[in-house]
N, C-alpha and C. Protein backbone atom coordinates (compact mmCIF):
# COMPACT_ATOMS: atom_id res chain seq x y z
N MET A 1 231.27 1.93 132.36
CA MET A 1 231.51 1.12 131.24
C MET A 1 229.63 1.02 130.73
N ILE A 2 228.93 0.88 131.66
CA ILE A 2 227.81 1.09 131.30
C ILE A 2 227.38 2.56 130.49
N THR A 3 227.83 3.57 130.95
CA THR A 3 227.54 4.62 130.26
C THR A 3 227.93 4.95 128.93
N PHE A 4 229.23 4.13 128.75
CA PHE A 4 230.36 4.27 127.24
C PHE A 4 229.07 3.59 126.45
N LEU A 5 228.48 2.15 126.91
CA LEU A 5 227.52 1.48 125.66
C LEU A 5 226.23 2.38 125.81
N LEU A 6 225.69 2.83 126.60
CA LEU A 6 224.21 3.83 126.07
C LEU A 6 224.84 5.17 125.22
N TRP A 7 225.89 5.32 125.40
CA TRP A 7 226.43 6.46 124.33
C TRP A 7 226.60 5.95 123.12
N ILE A 8 227.25 4.93 123.08
CA ILE A 8 227.66 3.99 121.45
C ILE A 8 225.68 3.79 121.29
N ILE A 9 224.97 3.72 121.73
CA ILE A 9 223.60 3.13 121.60
C ILE A 9 223.10 4.52 121.22
N LEU A 10 223.26 5.56 121.66
CA LEU A 10 222.73 6.81 121.41
C LEU A 10 223.28 7.29 119.70
N PHE A 11 224.74 7.32 119.77
CA PHE A 11 225.30 7.31 118.70
C PHE A 11 224.61 6.58 117.49
N ILE A 12 224.27 5.38 117.72
CA ILE A 12 223.78 4.61 116.79
C ILE A 12 222.64 4.86 116.03
N VAL A 13 221.37 5.21 117.32
CA VAL A 13 220.08 5.86 117.03
C VAL A 13 219.81 7.37 116.09
N CYS A 14 220.86 8.31 116.83
CA CYS A 14 220.83 9.58 116.69
C CYS A 14 222.06 10.32 117.25
N TRP A 15 223.12 10.24 115.80
CA TRP A 15 224.44 10.60 116.41
C TRP A 15 224.51 12.19 116.68
N PRO A 16 223.55 13.38 116.21
CA PRO A 16 223.88 14.85 116.56
C PRO A 16 223.92 14.86 118.11
N ILE A 17 222.86 14.09 118.86
CA ILE A 17 222.73 14.15 119.99
C ILE A 17 223.80 13.73 120.72
N ALA A 18 223.89 12.40 120.59
CA ALA A 18 225.32 12.09 121.01
C ALA A 18 226.79 12.93 120.67
N LEU A 19 226.79 13.24 119.74
CA LEU A 19 227.95 14.22 119.65
C LEU A 19 227.76 15.59 120.48
N LEU A 20 226.64 16.26 120.90
CA LEU A 20 226.32 17.19 121.71
C LEU A 20 226.70 17.01 123.26
N ALA A 21 225.99 15.26 123.38
CA ALA A 21 225.92 15.05 124.68
C ALA A 21 227.48 14.96 125.36
N LEU A 22 228.47 14.61 124.30
CA LEU A 22 229.77 14.39 124.26
C LEU A 22 230.70 15.72 124.92
N ILE A 23 229.92 16.84 123.77
CA ILE A 23 230.28 18.34 124.32
C ILE A 23 230.06 18.48 125.36
N LEU A 24 229.15 18.78 125.57
CA LEU A 24 228.20 19.27 126.73
C LEU A 24 228.44 18.45 128.25
N TYR A 25 229.05 17.54 128.21
CA TYR A 25 229.05 16.63 129.55
C TYR A 25 230.34 17.32 130.58
N PRO A 26 231.29 17.55 129.58
CA PRO A 26 232.68 18.07 130.44
C PRO A 26 231.98 19.35 131.13
N ILE A 27 231.28 20.46 130.67
CA ILE A 27 231.05 21.83 130.49
C ILE A 27 230.15 21.44 131.72
N VAL A 28 228.99 20.51 132.20
CA VAL A 28 228.26 19.96 132.98
C VAL A 28 228.81 20.04 134.23
N TRP A 29 229.79 18.60 134.09
CA TRP A 29 230.64 18.35 135.28
C TRP A 29 231.55 19.70 135.88
N VAL A 30 231.90 20.29 135.10
CA VAL A 30 232.75 21.55 135.95
C VAL A 30 231.50 22.34 136.44
N LEU A 31 230.51 22.84 135.83
CA LEU A 31 229.71 24.08 136.85
C LEU A 31 229.00 23.21 137.91
N LEU A 32 229.03 21.80 138.24
CA LEU A 32 228.52 20.95 139.10
C LEU A 32 229.43 21.09 140.50
N ILE A 33 230.68 21.55 139.99
CA ILE A 33 231.86 21.00 141.47
C ILE A 33 231.58 21.61 142.32
N PRO A 34 231.28 22.85 142.25
CA PRO A 34 230.93 23.53 143.49
C PRO A 34 229.66 23.29 144.27
N PHE A 35 228.56 22.55 143.57
CA PHE A 35 227.62 22.09 144.58
C PHE A 35 228.36 20.75 145.03
N ARG A 36 229.20 19.76 144.37
CA ARG A 36 229.72 18.73 145.15
C ARG A 36 230.12 19.41 146.23
N ILE A 37 231.35 20.37 146.14
CA ILE A 37 231.92 20.98 147.38
C ILE A 37 230.85 21.58 148.58
N LEU A 38 230.10 22.17 148.14
CA LEU A 38 229.04 22.41 148.98
C LEU A 38 228.28 20.89 149.54
N GLY A 39 228.10 19.64 149.17
CA GLY A 39 227.63 19.31 149.34
C GLY A 39 228.57 18.35 150.90
N PHE A 40 229.36 18.35 150.47
CA PHE A 40 230.81 17.73 151.33
C PHE A 40 231.02 18.52 152.54
N ALA A 41 230.49 19.73 152.58
CA ALA A 41 230.92 20.89 153.65
C ALA A 41 229.37 20.43 154.38
N VAL A 42 228.48 20.59 153.49
CA VAL A 42 227.39 20.32 154.49
C VAL A 42 227.05 19.12 155.05
N ASP A 43 227.51 17.92 154.36
CA ASP A 43 227.49 16.60 155.10
C ASP A 43 228.62 16.76 156.42
N GLY A 44 229.84 17.32 156.28
CA GLY A 44 230.66 17.48 157.33
C GLY A 44 230.38 18.35 158.66
N VAL A 45 229.37 19.32 158.30
CA VAL A 45 228.79 20.22 159.24
C VAL A 45 227.59 19.52 159.91
N LEU A 46 226.81 19.07 158.92
CA LEU A 46 225.70 18.14 159.94
C LEU A 46 226.41 16.62 160.97
N GLY A 47 227.42 15.96 160.51
CA GLY A 47 228.23 15.15 161.21
C GLY A 47 228.78 15.62 162.34
N LEU A 48 229.17 16.81 162.34
CA LEU A 48 229.72 17.36 163.60
C LEU A 48 228.84 17.70 164.44
N ILE A 49 227.36 18.53 164.09
CA ILE A 49 225.94 18.77 165.07
C ILE A 49 225.76 17.24 165.62
N LYS A 50 225.98 16.24 164.74
CA LYS A 50 225.34 14.72 165.18
C LYS A 50 226.23 14.67 166.13
N GLY A 51 227.85 14.56 166.30
CA GLY A 51 228.58 14.36 166.89
C GLY A 51 228.32 14.62 168.37
N ILE A 52 228.36 16.25 168.26
CA ILE A 52 227.95 16.93 169.50
C ILE A 52 226.59 16.57 170.43
N PHE A 53 225.61 16.40 169.67
CA PHE A 53 224.68 15.89 170.39
C PHE A 53 224.79 14.62 170.86
N LEU A 54 225.37 13.62 170.12
CA LEU A 54 225.49 12.15 170.79
C LEU A 54 226.33 11.58 171.57
N LEU A 55 227.47 12.85 171.82
CA LEU A 55 228.26 12.97 172.58
C LEU A 55 228.22 12.42 174.37
N PRO A 56 226.91 13.10 175.10
CA PRO A 56 226.42 12.57 176.29
C PRO A 56 226.30 11.41 175.84
N ALA A 57 225.44 10.65 175.21
CA ALA A 57 224.92 9.54 175.11
C ALA A 57 226.17 8.36 175.15
N ARG A 58 227.12 8.73 174.38
CA ARG A 58 228.56 7.96 173.95
C ARG A 58 229.25 7.85 175.48
N MET A 59 229.00 8.91 175.98
CA MET A 59 229.95 9.12 177.50
C MET A 59 229.88 8.06 178.76
N LEU A 60 228.00 8.24 178.30
CA LEU A 60 227.20 7.42 179.51
C LEU A 60 227.50 6.34 179.30
N ARG A 61 227.77 5.30 178.05
CA ARG A 61 227.53 4.41 177.49
C ARG A 61 228.68 3.44 177.68
N SER A 62 229.89 4.60 177.70
CA SER A 62 231.22 3.83 177.92
C SER A 62 231.81 3.73 179.10
N SER A 63 230.99 4.56 180.01
CA SER A 63 231.15 4.02 181.22
C SER A 63 230.63 3.25 182.23
N HIS A 64 229.49 2.52 181.54
CA HIS A 64 229.13 1.41 182.33
C HIS A 64 229.92 -0.08 181.63
């Protein structure tokens, strides 16, 4: 909602830039999808490594 209100303000102030932003936003969003997927993959791998390193501590803590 805030993004829409900011776009309306931009449209009132400078409509050519607002229309250009409206056209380019979906293109930029599609171009950034691979980086989002890469971010999820890196986050998953780092979580797995963290889990492997913290497993001995968890096992020692649960035995007491």
